[in-house]
């Protein structure tokens, strides 16, 4: 078994005055390389907190997190930043694009932090924009693009540094049904190309596109199971 993610007894507690909020309360989970996993749960279930910990955007109160064989809790801040930039690609519901930059410049941002030359950044950005069907909009700024096109730019940005893991937080939450289906087709292609995909969603029909669904409630994993069928042929 090739585990890309292994978390053991992860907790995350927040103190609100005299009250302790247990966002995560003893979560155990592993994800194999090249899985397509949906993380589900109602508001307040802990799924977004878990996503932030998986993405090294937050640290747990206690527990063990092993990412690609490395113990995350032993990493320095600079090592964590490198992991976020190279190992993990992020896709958010709100796209998180910089409004003054063109599509290709938004896609190229992670490579700026990696110290790549402008020519190489442009060439790679155009390559991934082509892969999501948006090369012809490379010079457009976000306000000149539709919601679906902006999400394609965000997906291209997530892919640009060849990460092994794609973390998607409600990636179709702001999109209509037709556009959502187009975006989910792209995620299927990403998975088929060898990436591990972890997608947070509260929508049952979106979760059915994954190969395994993990359901959370009250800071714990309630159920999980592999899907016998999925809609990869949408």
Protein backbone atom coordinates (compact mmCIF):
# COMPACT_ATOMS: atom_id res chain seq x y z
CA UNK A 1 0.00 0.00 0.00
CA UNK A 2 1.47 3.36 -1.08
CA UNK A 3 0.13 5.92 1.41
CA UNK A 4 0.57 9.52 0.36
CA UNK A 5 -1.26 10.75 3.50
CA UNK A 6 -1.42 9.05 6.90
CA UNK A 7 -2.95 10.86 9.88
CA UNK A 8 -3.21 9.33 13.32
CA UNK A 9 -5.35 10.60 16.20
CA UNK A 10 -5.41 14.18 14.94
CA UNK A 11 -7.09 16.76 17.18
CA UNK A 12 -7.65 20.47 16.69
CA UNK A 13 -9.04 22.46 19.62
CA UNK A 14 -9.83 26.17 19.74
CA UNK A 15 -10.29 28.13 22.96
CA UNK A 16 -13.13 30.67 22.89
CA UNK A 17 -12.94 32.27 26.30
CA UNK A 18 -13.79 29.51 28.76
CA UNK A 19 -15.15 27.25 26.02
CA UNK A 20 -13.02 24.70 24.13
CA UNK A 21 -14.22 23.99 20.59
CA UNK A 22 -13.19 20.54 19.41
CA UNK A 23 -12.99 21.02 15.63
CA UNK A 24 -11.25 17.66 15.20
CA UNK A 25 -11.40 15.02 17.89
CA UNK A 26 -9.25 11.97 17.20
CA UNK A 27 -9.26 11.61 13.39
CA UNK A 28 -7.51 8.61 11.81
CA UNK A 29 -7.29 8.36 8.04
CA UNK A 30 -5.01 7.35 5.22
CA UNK A 31 -5.14 8.16 1.52
CA UNK A 32 -3.30 6.10 -1.06
CA UNK A 33 -1.41 7.59 -3.96
CA UNK A 34 -3.67 8.31 -6.97
CA UNK A 35 -6.93 8.04 -5.02
CA UNK A 36 -9.90 10.31 -5.72
CA UNK A 37 -11.50 11.00 -2.34
CA UNK A 38 -14.50 13.15 -1.42
CA UNK A 39 -14.60 14.58 2.11
CA UNK A 40 -18.17 15.28 3.18
CA UNK A 41 -20.00 16.58 6.23
CA UNK A 42 -22.41 19.25 7.42
CA UNK A 43 -21.27 22.72 8.43
CA UNK A 44 -19.18 22.45 11.58
CA UNK A 45 -18.29 18.79 11.01
CA UNK A 46 -14.56 19.55 10.81
CA UNK A 47 -14.04 18.85 7.12
CA UNK A 48 -12.58 22.29 6.31
CA UNK A 49 -10.32 22.16 9.38
CA UNK A 50 -9.08 18.76 8.27
CA UNK A 51 -8.52 20.06 4.74
CA UNK A 52 -6.42 22.94 6.11
CA UNK A 53 -4.29 20.50 8.12
CA UNK A 54 -3.88 18.17 5.13
CA UNK A 55 -2.75 21.17 3.07
CA UNK A 56 -0.25 22.29 5.75
CA UNK A 57 -2.18 25.57 6.08
CA UNK A 58 -2.85 24.81 9.76
CA UNK A 59 -1.29 22.61 12.42
CA UNK A 60 -3.11 20.12 14.65
CA UNK A 61 -3.29 20.45 18.42
CA UNK A 62 -2.03 16.86 18.68
CA UNK A 63 -1.57 13.73 16.61
CA UNK A 64 0.66 12.54 13.78
CA UNK A 65 0.54 13.63 10.14
CA UNK A 66 2.81 11.82 7.67
CA UNK A 67 2.87 13.27 4.14
CA UNK A 68 4.75 11.38 1.43
CA UNK A 69 6.72 9.57 4.12
CA UNK A 70 7.73 12.74 6.00
CA UNK A 71 6.53 13.71 9.48
CA UNK A 72 4.87 17.09 9.01
CA UNK A 73 5.18 18.09 12.69
CA UNK A 74 8.98 17.95 12.36
CA UNK A 75 9.05 20.41 9.47
CA UNK A 76 10.23 24.01 9.80
CA UNK A 77 8.09 26.89 8.50
CA UNK A 78 10.23 27.13 5.36
CA UNK A 79 9.90 23.37 4.76
CA UNK A 80 6.13 23.62 5.16
CA UNK A 81 6.03 26.49 2.68
CA UNK A 82 8.01 24.39 0.20
CA UNK A 83 5.59 21.48 0.67
CA UNK A 84 2.62 23.78 0.03
CA UNK A 85 4.24 25.13 -3.13
CA UNK A 86 5.56 21.89 -4.63
CA UNK A 87 3.68 18.92 -3.20
CA UNK A 88 0.13 20.28 -3.00
CA UNK A 89 -2.06 22.15 -5.44
CA UNK A 90 -5.00 24.10 -3.99
CA UNK A 91 -8.34 24.84 -5.65
CA UNK A 92 -10.81 27.03 -3.75
CA UNK A 93 -14.51 27.79 -4.12
CA UNK A 94 -13.77 31.51 -4.50
CA UNK A 95 -10.94 30.95 -7.04
CA UNK A 96 -8.48 33.26 -5.17
CA UNK A 97 -7.15 34.87 -8.34
CA UNK A 98 -5.32 38.21 -8.30
CA UNK A 99 -7.52 40.68 -10.23
CA UNK A 100 -4.71 42.74 -11.78
CA UNK A 101 -2.90 39.75 -13.26
CA UNK A 102 -3.76 37.96 -16.49
CA UNK A 103 -4.77 34.31 -16.51
CA UNK A 104 -1.28 33.09 -17.36
CA UNK A 105 0.31 35.37 -14.75
CA UNK A 106 -2.05 33.99 -12.09
CA UNK A 107 -1.16 30.45 -13.13
CA UNK A 108 2.56 31.28 -13.05
CA UNK A 109 2.56 32.67 -9.49
CA UNK A 110 3.70 29.45 -7.74
CA UNK A 111 6.68 29.32 -10.11
CA UNK A 112 7.69 32.86 -9.13
CA UNK A 113 8.15 31.59 -5.57
CA UNK A 114 10.11 28.62 -6.95
CA UNK A 115 12.55 31.00 -8.67
CA UNK A 116 11.79 29.98 -12.27
CA UNK A 117 12.64 32.32 -15.16
CA UNK A 118 9.86 34.36 -16.77
CA UNK A 119 10.18 32.50 -20.09
CA UNK A 120 9.90 29.10 -18.39
CA UNK A 121 7.01 30.35 -16.25
CA UNK A 122 5.14 31.50 -19.35
CA UNK A 123 5.76 28.26 -21.24
CA UNK A 124 4.61 26.07 -18.36
CA UNK A 125 1.59 28.32 -17.62
CA UNK A 126 0.49 28.07 -21.25
CA UNK A 127 0.94 24.29 -21.16
CA UNK A 128 -1.41 23.85 -18.20
CA UNK A 129 -3.88 26.42 -19.51
CA UNK A 130 -4.01 24.37 -22.71
CA UNK A 131 -4.71 21.24 -20.65
CA UNK A 132 -7.82 22.86 -19.12
CA UNK A 133 -8.98 24.31 -22.44
CA UNK A 134 -8.19 27.94 -21.70
CA UNK A 135 -5.03 28.79 -23.65
CA UNK A 136 -7.03 31.23 -25.82
CA UNK A 137 -7.90 33.28 -22.71
CA UNK A 138 -4.36 33.48 -21.32
CA UNK A 139 -4.14 37.29 -21.54
CA UNK A 140 -7.57 37.91 -20.00
CA UNK A 141 -7.89 39.16 -16.44
CA UNK A 142 -10.25 37.44 -13.99
CA UNK A 143 -13.03 40.01 -14.43
CA UNK A 144 -13.03 39.23 -18.16
CA UNK A 145 -13.68 35.53 -17.52
CA UNK A 146 -16.78 33.57 -16.53
CA UNK A 147 -16.96 31.71 -13.23
CA UNK A 148 -16.14 28.42 -14.91
CA UNK A 149 -13.20 29.94 -16.75
CA UNK A 150 -11.85 31.44 -13.52
CA UNK A 151 -12.06 28.03 -11.87
CA UNK A 152 -10.15 26.53 -14.82
CA UNK A 153 -7.42 29.13 -14.26
CA UNK A 154 -7.36 28.21 -10.57
CA UNK A 155 -7.05 24.51 -11.46
CA UNK A 156 -4.23 25.27 -13.90
CA UNK A 157 -2.44 27.22 -11.15
CA UNK A 158 -2.84 24.23 -8.81
CA UNK A 159 -1.24 21.94 -11.41
CA UNK A 160 1.60 24.17 -12.52
CA UNK A 161 4.32 22.86 -10.15
CA UNK A 162 3.51 19.18 -10.84
CA UNK A 163 2.10 18.50 -7.35
CA UNK A 164 1.30 14.94 -6.30
CA UNK A 165 -1.85 16.03 -4.41
CA UNK A 166 -4.72 18.31 -5.44
CA UNK A 167 -6.86 19.67 -2.59
CA UNK A 168 -10.16 21.15 -3.78
CA UNK A 169 -12.43 22.94 -1.31
CA UNK A 170 -16.00 23.13 -2.68
CA UNK A 171 -14.62 23.64 -6.23
CA UNK A 172 -18.08 23.75 -7.83
CA UNK A 173 -19.82 25.68 -5.04
CA UNK A 174 -20.15 28.93 -7.03
CA UNK A 175 -20.95 27.35 -10.40
CA UNK A 176 -24.11 26.32 -12.23
CA UNK A 177 -24.81 22.65 -12.97
CA UNK A 178 -23.47 22.60 -16.53
CA UNK A 179 -20.27 24.39 -15.56
CA UNK A 180 -19.88 22.16 -12.50
CA UNK A 181 -20.00 19.10 -14.74
CA UNK A 182 -17.28 20.60 -16.95
CA UNK A 183 -15.05 21.27 -13.92
CA UNK A 184 -15.63 17.75 -12.55
CA UNK A 185 -14.58 16.31 -15.91
CA UNK A 186 -11.29 18.15 -15.51
CA UNK A 187 -10.82 16.65 -12.03
CA UNK A 188 -11.41 13.18 -13.48
CA UNK A 189 -8.72 13.86 -16.07
CA UNK A 190 -6.33 15.08 -13.37
CA UNK A 191 -6.95 11.87 -11.43
CA UNK A 192 -6.45 9.73 -14.53
CA UNK A 193 -3.14 11.52 -15.14
CA UNK A 194 -1.85 10.21 -11.80
CA UNK A 195 -2.66 12.87 -9.21
CA UNK A 196 -4.20 12.19 -5.82
CA UNK A 197 -7.38 14.28 -5.60
CA UNK A 198 -9.09 15.21 -2.31
CA UNK A 199 -12.29 17.19 -2.71
CA UNK A 200 -14.31 18.77 0.10
CA UNK A 201 -17.98 19.04 -0.76
CA UNK A 202 -21.38 19.09 0.92
CA UNK A 203 -23.13 18.09 -2.32
CA UNK A 204 -23.97 14.40 -2.63
CA UNK A 205 -23.99 14.39 -6.44
CA UNK A 206 -20.53 15.97 -6.52
CA UNK A 207 -19.17 13.44 -4.02
CA UNK A 208 -20.37 10.61 -6.25
CA UNK A 209 -17.68 11.55 -8.75
CA UNK A 210 -15.00 10.33 -6.31
CA UNK A 211 -13.84 6.74 -5.81
CA UNK A 212 -14.11 6.91 -2.01
CA UNK A 213 -16.29 9.06 0.26
CA UNK A 214 -15.29 9.97 3.81
CA UNK A 215 -18.12 11.45 5.88
CA UNK A 216 -17.46 13.58 8.95
CA UNK A 217 -19.62 14.68 11.85
CA UNK A 218 -18.75 16.46 15.11
CA UNK A 219 -15.01 16.44 14.44
CA UNK A 220 -14.79 12.72 13.73
CA UNK A 221 -14.99 10.40 10.75
CA UNK A 222 -18.47 8.94 10.83
CA UNK A 223 -18.34 6.57 7.86
CA UNK A 224 -16.17 5.93 4.85
CA UNK A 225 -16.37 3.60 1.91
CA UNK A 226 -15.41 3.03 -1.68
CA UNK A 227 -17.97 3.62 -4.39
CA UNK A 228 -18.74 0.58 -6.50
CA UNK A 229 -19.58 2.84 -9.42
CA UNK A 230 -18.88 6.46 -10.19
CA UNK A 231 -19.68 8.98 -12.88
CA UNK A 232 -16.22 9.26 -14.38
CA UNK A 233 -17.75 9.12 -17.83
CA UNK A 234 -19.79 12.30 -17.41
